[in-house]
Amino acid sequence: TDVPLAVVEEILLKLPAHQVVRVCRLVCHEWKELVDSASHWRERCRREGFQPSDASRPPDD
C-alpha cells in the first residue's frame, strides 16, 4: 500500500534535517523530490521558528 505523500511529508518534517538530507532523500525519487522542494524547507523553517528576512530594510544596529 502506498503512503500518501502528505503523510510522508509530515513524517519527514518531524525528523532532524540532517537525517532527511543524508538518508531519506535516497529512499526513492518521490522522496527526493519532496526533500528537495522549496516548500518542504519553507515549512520546516516556519515550524522551527525561522522568519523570512525583509531584504529591503537595513539590519538593526
C-alpha atoms as a PDB file:
ATOM      1  CA  THR A   1       0.000   0.000   0.000  1.00  0.00           C
ATOM      2  CA  ASP A   2       1.334   3.422  -0.923  1.00  0.00           C
ATOM      3  CA  VAL A   3       1.516   6.010   1.824  1.00  0.00           C
ATOM      4  CA  PRO A   4       0.081   9.380   0.744  1.00  0.00           C
ATOM      5  CA  LEU A   5       2.801  11.956   0.093  1.00  0.00           C
ATOM      6  CA  ALA A   6       1.207  14.366   2.571  1.00  0.00           C
ATOM      7  CA  VAL A   7       1.748  11.759   5.300  1.00  0.00           C
ATOM      8  CA  VAL A   8       5.345  11.162   4.203  1.00  0.00           C
ATOM      9  CA  GLU A   9       5.993  14.906   4.267  1.00  0.00           C
ATOM     10  CA  GLU A  10       4.557  15.221   7.771  1.00  0.00           C
ATOM     11  CA  ILE A  11       6.847  12.415   8.959  1.00  0.00           C
ATOM     12  CA  LEU A  12       9.884  13.956   7.248  1.00  0.00           C
ATOM     13  CA  LEU A  13       9.162  17.307   8.886  1.00  0.00           C
ATOM     14  CA  LYS A  14       9.411  15.636  12.297  1.00  0.00           C
ATOM     15  CA  LEU A  15      12.851  14.146  11.600  1.00  0.00           C
ATOM     16  CA  PRO A  16      16.137  16.019  12.042  1.00  0.00           C
ATOM     17  CA  ALA A  17      17.103  17.923   8.881  1.00  0.00           C
ATOM     18  CA  HIS A  18      20.490  16.200   8.581  1.00  0.00           C
ATOM     19  CA  GLN A  19      18.801  12.783   8.561  1.00  0.00           C
ATOM     20  CA  VAL A  20      16.302  13.902   5.921  1.00  0.00           C
ATOM     21  CA  VAL A  21      19.107  15.168   3.672  1.00  0.00           C
ATOM     22  CA  ARG A  22      21.543  12.283   4.182  1.00  0.00           C
ATOM     23  CA  VAL A  23      19.171   9.320   4.307  1.00  0.00           C
ATOM     24  CA  CYS A  24      15.530   9.982   3.496  1.00  0.00           C
ATOM     25  CA  ARG A  25      16.105  11.625   0.132  1.00  0.00           C
ATOM     26  CA  LEU A  26      17.850   8.423  -1.012  1.00  0.00           C
ATOM     27  CA  VAL A  27      14.784   6.209  -0.433  1.00  0.00           C
ATOM     28  CA  CYS A  28      13.090   6.869  -3.778  1.00  0.00           C
ATOM     29  CA  HIS A  29      12.585   9.511  -6.460  1.00  0.00           C
ATOM     30  CA  GLU A  30       9.351  10.832  -4.878  1.00  0.00           C
ATOM     31  CA  TRP A  31      11.017  11.345  -1.501  1.00  0.00           C
ATOM     32  CA  LYS A  32      13.997  13.040  -3.136  1.00  0.00           C
ATOM     33  CA  GLU A  33      11.685  15.443  -4.973  1.00  0.00           C
ATOM     34  CA  LEU A  34       9.845  16.159  -1.737  1.00  0.00           C
ATOM     35  CA  VAL A  35      13.013  16.744   0.292  1.00  0.00           C
ATOM     36  CA  ASP A  36      14.498  18.931  -2.449  1.00  0.00           C
ATOM     37  CA  SER A  37      11.374  21.089  -2.773  1.00  0.00           C
ATOM     38  CA  ALA A  38      11.427  24.689  -1.588  1.00  0.00           C
ATOM     39  CA  SER A  39       8.015  24.214   0.014  1.00  0.00           C
ATOM     40  CA  HIS A  40       9.371  21.463   2.286  1.00  0.00           C
ATOM     41  CA  TRP A  41      12.164  23.711   3.554  1.00  0.00           C
ATOM     42  CA  ARG A  42       9.869  26.736   3.911  1.00  0.00           C
ATOM     43  CA  GLU A  43       7.542  24.669   6.095  1.00  0.00           C
ATOM     44  CA  ARG A  44      10.458  23.224   8.087  1.00  0.00           C
ATOM     45  CA  CYS A  45      11.826  26.720   8.728  1.00  0.00           C
ATOM     46  CA  ARG A  46       8.372  28.001   9.667  1.00  0.00           C
ATOM     47  CA  ARG A  47       7.895  25.185  12.176  1.00  0.00           C
ATOM     48  CA  GLU A  48      11.333  25.781  13.663  1.00  0.00           C
ATOM     49  CA  GLY A  49      10.566  29.466  14.159  1.00  0.00           C
ATOM     50  CA  PHE A  50      12.656  30.998  11.395  1.00  0.00           C
ATOM     51  CA  GLN A  51      11.070  34.011   9.746  1.00  0.00           C
ATOM     52  CA  PRO A  52      11.955  35.235   6.266  1.00  0.00           C
ATOM     53  CA  SER A  53      14.016  38.383   6.463  1.00  0.00           C
ATOM     54  CA  ASP A  54      12.981  41.546   4.702  1.00  0.00           C
ATOM     55  CA  ALA A  55      15.984  42.288   2.470  1.00  0.00           C
ATOM     56  CA  SER A  56      14.637  45.746   1.650  1.00  0.00           C
ATOM     57  CA  ARG A  57      15.220  47.119   5.147  1.00  0.00           C
ATOM     58  CA  PRO A  58      18.637  47.712   6.717  1.00  0.00           C
ATOM     59  CA  PRO A  59      19.720  45.418   9.554  1.00  0.00           C
ATOM     60  CA  ASP A  60      19.146  46.547  13.133  1.00  0.00           C
ATOM     61  CA  ASP A  61      22.134  48.007  14.979  1.00  0.00           C
END
